[in-house]
Structure formats: structure tokens, C-alpha cells
Amino acid sequence: MTENSQIQQLGAEVLRQPAAPVDDFNNPEFRELIENMRNVMQAASGVGIAAPQLGVSKRVVIVASRPTPRYPQAPEMAPVVMVNPRFDVVDAAMVKDWEGCLSVPGVRALVPRYRAVAVEFFDESGLPCSLALADFPARVFQHEFDHLEGMVYLDRVETNRDIISEAEFFKRVVGQEQAA
């Protein structure tokens, strides 16, 4: 693991390979990775980030739903570091909603995701944890989990007509939400 603050962009090999599990929670490079992930996510107004997005093929994500310029309607949730996560579907209803990605700048798409999931993971100290997520936080988790599997959100889009520019998203979608 090496520290990297450059967000990997669509086409980077690391975004298309399954990430390796973390097996040493005391490694200083692991600690640096988590701190770097927090800083980059915050600076980029992200609501989540995965280690592969920083060029590190390890199974680490942070889910941090909160209102940001990129997601003004996002609910508030304390950031959660999830190491080696796995999940079970709690509500199999598939809900389509808008997603973007720090690794795919300038693009938004309607993506179907499970409405609710139960996540098991280790925290950054190596302690086992579980968390139930629904709606937007569940969407963020599934989006970040996909990065650990070598996928990006565009892989889940049902039709190319569900893909729009971010400028059009803010004009059409966010503008409508703020007017309501």
C-alpha cells in the first residue's frame, strides 16, 4: 500500500480488478491509507470512497452520507470505515436513483440498487461490526462495494438513456428538487 491522493479515473486498471482483503490492521501504511481516504473524500465533497479509487487494491471503503455540493439532499450520517465488508440484502426491492463517482467525473446515471442491506465488516482497529443501511446510505455502500469487486456504477445502468452529464443533472434533477 502506498499513499496516493490522486483519484484514479475510469480506465485505470486498479478500478477493474477485485481488491485484496486487509490482513494487517496494525500496518502503518494501512493507517495512512485510511487517513488519506478521509482527506481525499472530504476535499472532493464525496459521500463515500473506496481504496481502489486511490490506487490501492485493498478491501476498504468509507461511507459518509452528508449534504455536499455534489449531493445536496443526502441525509446526515457519521463516516464509517469498513474493512473487508460483506453484505446481505434486507429489502430486495430495486430502486433506481442518481449516482455519480469521483472516478467518473462529469457524469451521472440512474442506477438500480437494493433498498436496504445489512453489512458486516471490521472497523479500522480490526473489531467486527455490523450495520443496517437503507435508502441513500445503502446506495452509497453498494456503490463503494462495487469498487472492491472491480466494478463502477456505469456497469449497473440498465440503458444508456439513464446516463447524463453532471451539468444536466444539476439543471434538471437538483433544480427540480430545490424548486419543490
N, C-alpha and C. Protein backbone atom coordinates (compact mmCIF):
# COMPACT_ATOMS: atom_id res chain seq x y z
N MET A 1 0.85 -1.18 0.00
CA MET A 1 0.00 0.00 0.00
C MET A 1 0.89 1.23 0.00
N THR A 2 0.58 2.15 -0.86
CA THR A 2 1.30 3.41 -0.86
C THR A 2 0.30 4.56 -0.83
N GLU A 3 0.69 5.65 -0.17
CA GLU A 3 -0.19 6.79 -0.07
C GLU A 3 -0.34 7.45 -1.43
N ASN A 4 -1.55 7.78 -1.79
CA ASN A 4 -1.83 8.41 -3.06
C ASN A 4 -3.05 9.31 -2.86
N SER A 5 -2.94 10.55 -3.27
CA SER A 5 -4.09 11.44 -3.15
C SER A 5 -4.73 11.70 -4.50
N GLN A 6 -4.23 11.05 -5.53
CA GLN A 6 -4.77 11.18 -6.87
C GLN A 6 -5.92 10.19 -7.04
N ILE A 7 -7.11 10.71 -7.37
CA ILE A 7 -8.26 9.83 -7.59
C ILE A 7 -8.10 9.16 -8.95
N GLN A 8 -8.12 7.83 -8.95
CA GLN A 8 -7.99 7.07 -10.18
C GLN A 8 -9.24 7.28 -11.04
N GLN A 9 -9.05 7.44 -12.32
CA GLN A 9 -10.15 7.72 -13.24
C GLN A 9 -10.53 6.47 -14.03
N LEU A 10 -11.78 6.47 -14.51
CA LEU A 10 -12.29 5.36 -15.31
C LEU A 10 -11.28 5.01 -16.40
N GLY A 11 -10.93 3.75 -16.48
CA GLY A 11 -9.90 3.28 -17.41
C GLY A 11 -8.67 2.80 -16.67
N ALA A 12 -8.48 3.28 -15.43
CA ALA A 12 -7.34 2.82 -14.63
C ALA A 12 -7.56 1.34 -14.28
N GLU A 13 -6.52 0.55 -14.46
CA GLU A 13 -6.62 -0.90 -14.23
C GLU A 13 -7.10 -1.26 -12.83
N VAL A 14 -6.65 -0.51 -11.82
CA VAL A 14 -6.99 -0.82 -10.43
C VAL A 14 -8.50 -0.77 -10.18
N LEU A 15 -9.24 0.00 -10.99
CA LEU A 15 -10.68 0.09 -10.82
C LEU A 15 -11.42 -1.11 -11.41
N ARG A 16 -10.70 -1.95 -12.14
CA ARG A 16 -11.34 -3.10 -12.81
C ARG A 16 -10.85 -4.44 -12.27
N GLN A 17 -10.17 -4.43 -11.11
CA GLN A 17 -9.73 -5.70 -10.53
C GLN A 17 -10.29 -5.86 -9.12
N PRO A 18 -10.63 -7.09 -8.75
CA PRO A 18 -11.10 -7.32 -7.37
C PRO A 18 -9.99 -6.95 -6.38
N ALA A 19 -10.38 -6.28 -5.30
CA ALA A 19 -9.42 -5.84 -4.29
C ALA A 19 -9.10 -6.98 -3.32
N ALA A 20 -7.91 -6.94 -2.78
CA ALA A 20 -7.44 -7.96 -1.83
C ALA A 20 -7.89 -7.62 -0.42
N PRO A 21 -8.16 -8.63 0.40
CA PRO A 21 -8.54 -8.37 1.80
C PRO A 21 -7.38 -7.75 2.58
N VAL A 22 -7.74 -6.99 3.59
CA VAL A 22 -6.75 -6.45 4.53
C VAL A 22 -6.52 -7.53 5.57
N ASP A 23 -5.26 -7.83 5.85
CA ASP A 23 -4.96 -8.85 6.86
C ASP A 23 -4.07 -8.33 7.99
N ASP A 24 -3.64 -7.05 7.89
CA ASP A 24 -2.80 -6.47 8.94
C ASP A 24 -3.34 -5.09 9.30
N PHE A 25 -4.05 -5.04 10.41
CA PHE A 25 -4.68 -3.79 10.84
C PHE A 25 -3.70 -2.87 11.57
N ASN A 26 -2.51 -3.34 11.85
CA ASN A 26 -1.51 -2.53 12.56
C ASN A 26 -0.45 -1.95 11.64
N ASN A 27 -0.53 -2.25 10.37
CA ASN A 27 0.43 -1.77 9.40
C ASN A 27 0.31 -0.24 9.27
N PRO A 28 1.41 0.49 9.40
CA PRO A 28 1.36 1.96 9.28
C PRO A 28 0.82 2.42 7.91
N GLU A 29 1.09 1.65 6.86
CA GLU A 29 0.58 2.01 5.54
C GLU A 29 -0.95 1.90 5.49
N PHE A 30 -1.51 0.94 6.23
CA PHE A 30 -2.96 0.80 6.32
C PHE A 30 -3.56 2.03 6.99
N ARG A 31 -2.94 2.47 8.07
CA ARG A 31 -3.39 3.67 8.79
C ARG A 31 -3.32 4.90 7.89
N GLU A 32 -2.23 5.02 7.16
CA GLU A 32 -2.06 6.15 6.22
C GLU A 32 -3.13 6.12 5.14
N LEU A 33 -3.43 4.92 4.64
CA LEU A 33 -4.45 4.78 3.61
C LEU A 33 -5.78 5.32 4.10
N ILE A 34 -6.20 4.93 5.28
CA ILE A 34 -7.49 5.37 5.81
C ILE A 34 -7.51 6.89 5.98
N GLU A 35 -6.45 7.44 6.53
CA GLU A 35 -6.39 8.89 6.71
C GLU A 35 -6.44 9.60 5.35
N ASN A 36 -5.73 9.07 4.39
CA ASN A 36 -5.73 9.66 3.05
C ASN A 36 -7.12 9.56 2.41
N MET A 37 -7.78 8.42 2.58
CA MET A 37 -9.13 8.25 2.04
C MET A 37 -10.07 9.30 2.63
N ARG A 38 -9.99 9.50 3.94
CA ARG A 38 -10.83 10.52 4.60
C ARG A 38 -10.57 11.90 4.00
N ASN A 39 -9.31 12.25 3.89
CA ASN A 39 -8.94 13.59 3.41
C ASN A 39 -9.38 13.82 1.96
N VAL A 40 -9.14 12.84 1.11
CA VAL A 40 -9.49 12.98 -0.31
C VAL A 40 -11.01 13.04 -0.47
N MET A 41 -11.73 12.18 0.24
CA MET A 41 -13.19 12.18 0.15
C MET A 41 -13.75 13.54 0.60
N GLN A 42 -13.25 14.04 1.69
CA GLN A 42 -13.70 15.34 2.21
C GLN A 42 -13.40 16.46 1.22
N ALA A 43 -12.17 16.50 0.71
CA ALA A 43 -11.76 17.56 -0.22
C ALA A 43 -12.56 17.52 -1.52
N ALA A 44 -12.98 16.32 -1.94
CA ALA A 44 -13.71 16.16 -3.20
C ALA A 44 -15.23 16.23 -3.02
N SER A 45 -15.70 16.51 -1.79
CA SER A 45 -17.13 16.54 -1.48
C SER A 45 -17.81 15.21 -1.78
N GLY A 46 -17.10 14.12 -1.53
CA GLY A 46 -17.66 12.79 -1.73
C GLY A 46 -18.47 12.34 -0.53
N VAL A 47 -19.35 11.37 -0.75
CA VAL A 47 -20.13 10.78 0.33
C VAL A 47 -19.67 9.34 0.61
N GLY A 48 -18.64 8.94 -0.09
CA GLY A 48 -18.04 7.63 0.09
C GLY A 48 -16.80 7.53 -0.78
N ILE A 49 -15.95 6.57 -0.44
CA ILE A 49 -14.74 6.35 -1.22
C ILE A 49 -14.24 4.93 -0.96
N ALA A 50 -13.58 4.35 -1.94
CA ALA A 50 -13.02 3.00 -1.82
C ALA A 50 -11.52 3.08 -2.09
N ALA A 51 -10.74 2.24 -1.42
CA ALA A 51 -9.29 2.25 -1.57
C ALA A 51 -8.84 2.15 -3.03
N PRO A 52 -9.48 1.32 -3.88
CA PRO A 52 -9.03 1.26 -5.27
C PRO A 52 -9.10 2.62 -5.99
N GLN A 53 -9.98 3.50 -5.54
CA GLN A 53 -10.06 4.82 -6.16
C GLN A 53 -8.80 5.65 -5.92
N LEU A 54 -8.03 5.25 -4.91
CA LEU A 54 -6.75 5.91 -4.65
C LEU A 54 -5.58 5.05 -5.09
N GLY A 55 -5.88 4.06 -5.92
CA GLY A 55 -4.83 3.23 -6.49
C GLY A 55 -4.35 2.11 -5.60
N VAL A 56 -5.09 1.83 -4.52
CA VAL A 56 -4.70 0.79 -3.57
C VAL A 56 -5.75 -0.33 -3.63
N SER A 57 -5.35 -1.48 -4.11
CA SER A 57 -6.27 -2.59 -4.30
C SER A 57 -6.46 -3.37 -2.99
N LYS A 58 -7.14 -2.72 -2.04
CA LYS A 58 -7.46 -3.32 -0.75
C LYS A 58 -8.94 -3.12 -0.47
N ARG A 59 -9.53 -4.03 0.31
CA ARG A 59 -10.97 -4.01 0.58
C ARG A 59 -11.28 -3.07 1.75
N VAL A 60 -11.23 -1.78 1.45
CA VAL A 60 -11.52 -0.73 2.44
C VAL A 60 -12.42 0.31 1.78
N VAL A 61 -13.53 0.65 2.46
CA VAL A 61 -14.40 1.72 1.99
C VAL A 61 -14.73 2.63 3.17
N ILE A 62 -15.12 3.84 2.84
CA ILE A 62 -15.69 4.75 3.83
C ILE A 62 -17.05 5.18 3.28
N VAL A 63 -18.07 5.08 4.11
CA VAL A 63 -19.40 5.56 3.78
C VAL A 63 -19.65 6.76 4.68
N ALA A 64 -19.97 7.91 4.08
CA ALA A 64 -20.10 9.14 4.84
C ALA A 64 -21.21 10.02 4.26
N SER A 65 -22.43 9.55 4.32
CA SER A 65 -23.54 10.32 3.77
C SER A 65 -23.68 11.64 4.54
N ARG A 66 -23.77 12.72 3.78
CA ARG A 66 -24.00 14.05 4.34
C ARG A 66 -24.29 14.99 3.18
N PRO A 67 -25.00 16.08 3.42
CA PRO A 67 -25.23 17.03 2.34
C PRO A 67 -23.91 17.64 1.87
N THR A 68 -23.68 17.60 0.57
CA THR A 68 -22.48 18.19 -0.04
C THR A 68 -22.92 18.90 -1.32
N PRO A 69 -22.04 19.69 -1.92
CA PRO A 69 -22.40 20.29 -3.20
C PRO A 69 -22.76 19.24 -4.26
N ARG A 70 -22.15 18.06 -4.19
CA ARG A 70 -22.44 17.00 -5.16
C ARG A 70 -23.75 16.28 -4.84
N TYR A 71 -24.12 16.21 -3.56
CA TYR A 71 -25.34 15.54 -3.11
C TYR A 71 -26.04 16.40 -2.06
N PRO A 72 -26.67 17.50 -2.50
CA PRO A 72 -27.24 18.44 -1.54
C PRO A 72 -28.37 17.87 -0.68
N GLN A 73 -29.05 16.82 -1.15
CA GLN A 73 -30.17 16.25 -0.40
C GLN A 73 -29.78 15.02 0.44
N ALA A 74 -28.51 14.70 0.51
CA ALA A 74 -28.07 13.49 1.23
C ALA A 74 -28.35 13.61 2.73
N PRO A 75 -28.80 12.53 3.36
CA PRO A 75 -29.02 12.56 4.81
C PRO A 75 -27.69 12.54 5.57
N GLU A 76 -27.73 13.02 6.78
CA GLU A 76 -26.54 13.08 7.64
C GLU A 76 -26.27 11.71 8.26
N MET A 77 -25.03 11.28 8.19
CA MET A 77 -24.60 10.00 8.79
C MET A 77 -23.13 10.14 9.14
N ALA A 78 -22.74 9.69 10.32
CA ALA A 78 -21.33 9.74 10.70
C ALA A 78 -20.52 8.85 9.75
N PRO A 79 -19.33 9.27 9.35
CA PRO A 79 -18.50 8.44 8.47
C PRO A 79 -18.16 7.10 9.13
N VAL A 80 -18.21 6.04 8.33
CA VAL A 80 -17.90 4.70 8.83
C VAL A 80 -16.85 4.07 7.92
N VAL A 81 -15.72 3.70 8.53
CA VAL A 81 -14.68 2.95 7.82
C VAL A 81 -15.06 1.48 7.89
N MET A 82 -15.11 0.84 6.72
CA MET A 82 -15.47 -0.58 6.63
C MET A 82 -14.36 -1.34 5.95
N VAL A 83 -13.78 -2.29 6.66
CA VAL A 83 -12.68 -3.09 6.15
C VAL A 83 -13.19 -4.51 5.90
N ASN A 84 -12.86 -5.05 4.73
CA ASN A 84 -13.30 -6.39 4.32
C ASN A 84 -14.82 -6.56 4.47
N PRO A 85 -15.60 -5.61 3.95
CA PRO A 85 -17.05 -5.71 4.14
C PRO A 85 -17.69 -6.80 3.30
N ARG A 86 -18.82 -7.28 3.78
CA ARG A 86 -19.71 -8.17 3.05
C ARG A 86 -21.12 -7.76 3.42
N PHE A 87 -22.10 -8.10 2.59
CA PHE A 87 -23.45 -7.68 2.93
C PHE A 87 -24.49 -8.71 2.51
N ASP A 88 -25.63 -8.61 3.18
CA ASP A 88 -26.82 -9.39 2.85
C ASP A 88 -27.92 -8.41 2.49
N VAL A 89 -28.77 -8.81 1.57
CA VAL A 89 -29.89 -7.98 1.16
C VAL A 89 -30.99 -8.10 2.22
N VAL A 90 -31.47 -6.96 2.71
CA VAL A 90 -32.55 -6.92 3.69
C VAL A 90 -33.88 -6.65 2.99
N ASP A 91 -33.85 -5.74 2.03
CA ASP A 91 -35.04 -5.41 1.24
C ASP A 91 -34.64 -5.54 -0.22
N ALA A 92 -35.16 -6.56 -0.89
CA ALA A 92 -34.76 -6.86 -2.27
C ALA A 92 -35.37 -5.92 -3.30
N ALA A 93 -36.20 -4.98 -2.87
CA ALA A 93 -36.75 -4.01 -3.81
C ALA A 93 -35.60 -3.25 -4.46
N MET A 94 -35.64 -3.20 -5.78
CA MET A 94 -34.62 -2.45 -6.51
C MET A 94 -35.14 -1.04 -6.76
N VAL A 95 -34.36 -0.06 -6.36
CA VAL A 95 -34.74 1.33 -6.51
C VAL A 95 -33.72 2.01 -7.41
N LYS A 96 -34.21 2.70 -8.44
CA LYS A 96 -33.32 3.46 -9.33
C LYS A 96 -33.20 4.89 -8.82
N ASP A 97 -31.96 5.34 -8.69
CA ASP A 97 -31.72 6.72 -8.30
C ASP A 97 -30.40 7.17 -8.91
N TRP A 98 -30.16 8.48 -8.83
CA TRP A 98 -28.98 9.06 -9.45
C TRP A 98 -27.72 8.80 -8.67
N GLU A 99 -26.64 8.47 -9.38
CA GLU A 99 -25.32 8.30 -8.80
C GLU A 99 -24.29 9.01 -9.66
N GLY A 100 -23.22 9.41 -9.00
CA GLY A 100 -22.04 9.92 -9.67
C GLY A 100 -20.86 9.24 -9.01
N CYS A 101 -19.67 9.55 -9.46
CA CYS A 101 -18.48 8.89 -8.92
C CYS A 101 -17.27 9.80 -9.09
N LEU A 102 -16.46 9.88 -8.05
CA LEU A 102 -15.23 10.68 -8.12
C LEU A 102 -14.30 10.16 -9.21
N SER A 103 -14.42 8.89 -9.56
CA SER A 103 -13.58 8.29 -10.60
C SER A 103 -14.17 8.42 -12.00
N VAL A 104 -15.38 8.96 -12.09
CA VAL A 104 -16.04 9.17 -13.38
C VAL A 104 -16.60 10.60 -13.37
N PRO A 105 -15.73 11.59 -13.40
CA PRO A 105 -16.19 12.97 -13.25
C PRO A 105 -17.07 13.43 -14.41
N GLY A 106 -18.02 14.31 -14.06
CA GLY A 106 -18.85 14.94 -15.08
C GLY A 106 -20.02 14.12 -15.57
N VAL A 107 -20.27 12.96 -14.97
CA VAL A 107 -21.33 12.06 -15.44
C VAL A 107 -22.19 11.62 -14.26
N ARG A 108 -23.50 11.52 -14.50
CA ARG A 108 -24.44 10.95 -13.53
C ARG A 108 -25.29 9.91 -14.26
N ALA A 109 -25.81 8.96 -13.49
CA ALA A 109 -26.64 7.92 -14.11
C ALA A 109 -27.66 7.39 -13.10
N LEU A 110 -28.79 6.94 -13.63
CA LEU A 110 -29.79 6.25 -12.82
C LEU A 110 -29.35 4.80 -12.67
N VAL A 111 -29.18 4.37 -11.41
CA VAL A 111 -28.64 3.04 -11.13
C VAL A 111 -29.59 2.29 -10.21
N PRO A 112 -29.97 1.05 -10.56
CA PRO A 112 -30.80 0.25 -9.65
C PRO A 112 -29.94 -0.35 -8.53
N ARG A 113 -30.43 -0.21 -7.31
CA ARG A 113 -29.74 -0.77 -6.13
C ARG A 113 -30.79 -1.34 -5.18
N TYR A 114 -30.32 -2.27 -4.31
CA TYR A 114 -31.20 -2.77 -3.25
C TYR A 114 -31.53 -1.63 -2.30
N ARG A 115 -32.76 -1.58 -1.81
CA ARG A 115 -33.17 -0.50 -0.92
C ARG A 115 -32.50 -0.59 0.45
N ALA A 116 -32.29 -1.82 0.96
CA ALA A 116 -31.71 -1.97 2.29
C ALA A 116 -30.78 -3.18 2.33
N VAL A 117 -29.67 -3.01 3.05
CA VAL A 117 -28.69 -4.08 3.20
C VAL A 117 -28.20 -4.13 4.66
N ALA A 118 -27.74 -5.31 5.05
CA ALA A 118 -27.08 -5.49 6.36
C ALA A 118 -25.61 -5.77 6.07
N VAL A 119 -24.75 -4.94 6.62
CA VAL A 119 -23.32 -5.02 6.32
C VAL A 119 -22.55 -5.56 7.52
N GLU A 120 -21.67 -6.50 7.26
CA GLU A 120 -20.71 -6.98 8.26
C GLU A 120 -19.34 -6.57 7.79
N PHE A 121 -18.51 -6.07 8.71
CA PHE A 121 -17.20 -5.57 8.35
C PHE A 121 -16.33 -5.50 9.60
N PHE A 122 -15.09 -5.14 9.41
CA PHE A 122 -14.20 -4.86 10.52
C PHE A 122 -13.96 -3.36 10.54
N ASP A 123 -13.88 -2.79 11.75
CA ASP A 123 -13.54 -1.37 11.81
C ASP A 123 -12.04 -1.23 11.61
N GLU A 124 -11.54 -0.01 11.65
CA GLU A 124 -10.12 0.20 11.35
C GLU A 124 -9.18 -0.39 12.40
N SER A 125 -9.73 -0.79 13.57
CA SER A 125 -8.91 -1.45 14.59
C SER A 125 -8.97 -2.97 14.47
N GLY A 126 -9.80 -3.47 13.57
CA GLY A 126 -9.92 -4.91 13.37
C GLY A 126 -11.05 -5.54 14.15
N LEU A 127 -11.91 -4.73 14.76
CA LEU A 127 -13.04 -5.26 15.52
C LEU A 127 -14.22 -5.54 14.58
N PRO A 128 -14.89 -6.69 14.76
CA PRO A 128 -16.04 -6.99 13.91
C PRO A 128 -17.21 -6.07 14.23
N CYS A 129 -17.91 -5.63 13.18
CA CYS A 129 -19.04 -4.72 13.32
C CYS A 129 -20.14 -5.13 12.36
N SER A 130 -21.34 -4.64 12.62
CA SER A 130 -22.43 -4.81 11.67
C SER A 130 -23.26 -3.53 11.67
N LEU A 131 -23.92 -3.29 10.55
CA LEU A 131 -24.67 -2.06 10.39
C LEU A 131 -25.79 -2.30 9.38
N ALA A 132 -26.98 -1.84 9.71
CA ALA A 132 -28.10 -1.90 8.77
C ALA A 132 -28.17 -0.56 8.05
N LEU A 133 -28.24 -0.61 6.72
CA LEU A 133 -28.30 0.60 5.91
C LEU A 133 -29.51 0.55 5.00
N ALA A 134 -30.16 1.69 4.82
CA ALA A 134 -31.31 1.77 3.92
C ALA A 134 -31.23 3.05 3.11
N ASP A 135 -31.89 3.03 1.97
CA ASP A 135 -32.04 4.20 1.11
C ASP A 135 -30.67 4.76 0.69
N PHE A 136 -30.44 6.05 0.81
CA PHE A 136 -29.22 6.65 0.27
C PHE A 136 -27.94 6.05 0.87
N PRO A 137 -27.82 5.91 2.20
CA PRO A 137 -26.60 5.27 2.73
C PRO A 137 -26.39 3.85 2.19
N ALA A 138 -27.47 3.08 1.99
CA ALA A 138 -27.34 1.74 1.41
C ALA A 138 -26.83 1.84 -0.02
N ARG A 139 -27.30 2.83 -0.76
CA ARG A 139 -26.84 3.06 -2.14
C ARG A 139 -25.35 3.39 -2.14
N VAL A 140 -24.94 4.29 -1.25
CA VAL A 140 -23.51 4.67 -1.19
C VAL A 140 -22.67 3.43 -0.89
N PHE A 141 -23.09 2.63 0.09
CA PHE A 141 -22.32 1.42 0.41
C PHE A 141 -22.20 0.50 -0.80
N GLN A 142 -23.32 0.22 -1.47
CA GLN A 142 -23.29 -0.69 -2.62
C GLN A 142 -22.40 -0.14 -3.74
N HIS A 143 -22.43 1.16 -3.93
CA HIS A 143 -21.58 1.81 -4.94
C HIS A 143 -20.11 1.57 -4.59
N GLU A 144 -19.74 1.82 -3.33
CA GLU A 144 -18.35 1.64 -2.91
C GLU A 144 -17.96 0.16 -2.92
N PHE A 145 -18.87 -0.71 -2.52
CA PHE A 145 -18.59 -2.16 -2.54
C PHE A 145 -18.27 -2.62 -3.96
N ASP A 146 -19.01 -2.07 -4.94
CA ASP A 146 -18.72 -2.41 -6.33
C ASP A 146 -17.26 -2.13 -6.69
N HIS A 147 -16.71 -1.03 -6.18
CA HIS A 147 -15.30 -0.73 -6.45
C HIS A 147 -14.39 -1.86 -5.96
N LEU A 148 -14.76 -2.50 -4.86
CA LEU A 148 -13.95 -3.61 -4.33
C LEU A 148 -14.04 -4.85 -5.21
N GLU A 149 -15.09 -4.91 -6.01
CA GLU A 149 -15.31 -6.04 -6.90
C GLU A 149 -14.80 -5.77 -8.32
N GLY A 150 -14.22 -4.60 -8.55
CA GLY A 150 -13.71 -4.25 -9.87
C GLY A 150 -14.79 -3.70 -10.79
N MET A 151 -15.83 -3.12 -10.20
CA MET A 151 -16.93 -2.56 -10.99
C MET A 151 -17.07 -1.07 -10.72
N VAL A 152 -17.69 -0.37 -11.67
CA VAL A 152 -18.09 1.02 -11.46
C VAL A 152 -19.59 1.10 -11.68
N TYR A 153 -20.20 2.16 -11.21
CA TYR A 153 -21.66 2.26 -11.25
C TYR A 153 -22.23 2.18 -12.65
N LEU A 154 -21.47 2.61 -13.65
CA LEU A 154 -21.97 2.55 -15.04
C LEU A 154 -22.21 1.11 -15.49
N ASP A 155 -21.54 0.15 -14.86
CA ASP A 155 -21.75 -1.26 -15.19
C ASP A 155 -23.16 -1.73 -14.82
N ARG A 156 -23.83 -1.01 -13.95
CA ARG A 156 -25.16 -1.41 -13.47
C ARG A 156 -26.30 -0.67 -14.16
N VAL A 157 -25.99 0.30 -14.99
CA VAL A 157 -27.01 1.08 -15.68
C VAL A 157 -27.79 0.17 -16.63
N GLU A 158 -29.12 0.30 -16.62
CA GLU A 158 -29.96 -0.57 -17.44
C GLU A 158 -30.01 -0.13 -18.90
N THR A 159 -29.91 1.17 -19.16
CA THR A 159 -29.94 1.68 -20.52
C THR A 159 -29.07 2.94 -20.60
N ASN A 160 -28.44 3.14 -21.74
CA ASN A 160 -27.59 4.32 -21.91
C ASN A 160 -28.38 5.62 -21.77
N ARG A 161 -29.69 5.57 -21.95
CA ARG A 161 -30.53 6.76 -21.79
C ARG A 161 -30.58 7.22 -20.33
N ASP A 162 -30.14 6.37 -19.41
CA ASP A 162 -30.11 6.73 -17.99
C ASP A 162 -28.81 7.44 -17.60
N ILE A 163 -27.98 7.75 -18.57
CA ILE A 163 -26.70 8.44 -18.32
C ILE A 163 -26.80 9.87 -18.83
N ILE A 164 -26.45 10.84 -17.98
CA ILE A 164 -26.48 12.25 -18.38
C ILE A 164 -25.23 12.96 -17.87
N SER A 165 -24.97 14.13 -18.39
CA SER A 165 -23.85 14.92 -17.90
C SER A 165 -24.19 15.46 -16.52
N GLU A 166 -23.17 15.74 -15.73
CA GLU A 166 -23.41 16.29 -14.40
C GLU A 166 -24.04 17.68 -14.49
N ALA A 167 -23.67 18.46 -15.50
CA ALA A 167 -24.27 19.78 -15.68
C ALA A 167 -25.78 19.64 -15.91
N GLU A 168 -26.17 18.69 -16.73
CA GLU A 168 -27.60 18.46 -17.00
C GLU A 168 -28.30 17.94 -15.74
N PHE A 169 -27.61 17.09 -14.97
CA PHE A 169 -28.15 16.58 -13.70
C PHE A 169 -28.49 17.74 -12.77
N PHE A 170 -27.56 18.66 -12.59
CA PHE A 170 -27.81 19.78 -11.67
C PHE A 170 -28.90 20.70 -12.19
N LYS A 171 -28.99 20.84 -13.50
CA LYS A 171 -30.03 21.69 -14.10
C LYS A 171 -31.40 21.03 -13.96
N ARG A 172 -31.50 19.76 -14.34
CA ARG A 172 -32.78 19.06 -14.37
C ARG A 172 -33.22 18.50 -13.03
N VAL A 173 -32.33 17.75 -12.40
CA VAL A 173 -32.71 16.98 -11.20
C VAL A 173 -32.60 17.81 -9.94
N VAL A 174 -31.45 18.36 -9.68
CA VAL A 174 -31.27 19.14 -8.45
C VAL A 174 -32.12 20.40 -8.50
N GLY A 175 -32.21 21.02 -9.67
CA GLY A 175 -33.05 22.21 -9.82
C GLY A 175 -34.50 21.91 -9.49
N GLN A 176 -35.01 20.75 -9.92
CA GLN A 176 -36.40 20.34 -9.64
C GLN A 176 -36.59 20.10 -8.15
N GLU A 177 -35.60 19.44 -7.50
CA GLU A 177 -35.72 19.13 -6.06
C GLU A 177 -35.74 20.41 -5.24
N GLN A 178 -34.91 21.39 -5.62
CA GLN A 178 -34.84 22.63 -4.87
C GLN A 178 -36.09 23.47 -5.09
N ALA A 179 -36.73 23.34 -6.24
CA ALA A 179 -37.94 24.09 -6.54
C ALA A 179 -39.15 23.51 -5.79
N ALA A 180 -39.08 22.23 -5.45
CA ALA A 180 -40.22 21.56 -4.80
C ALA A 180 -40.39 21.97 -3.34
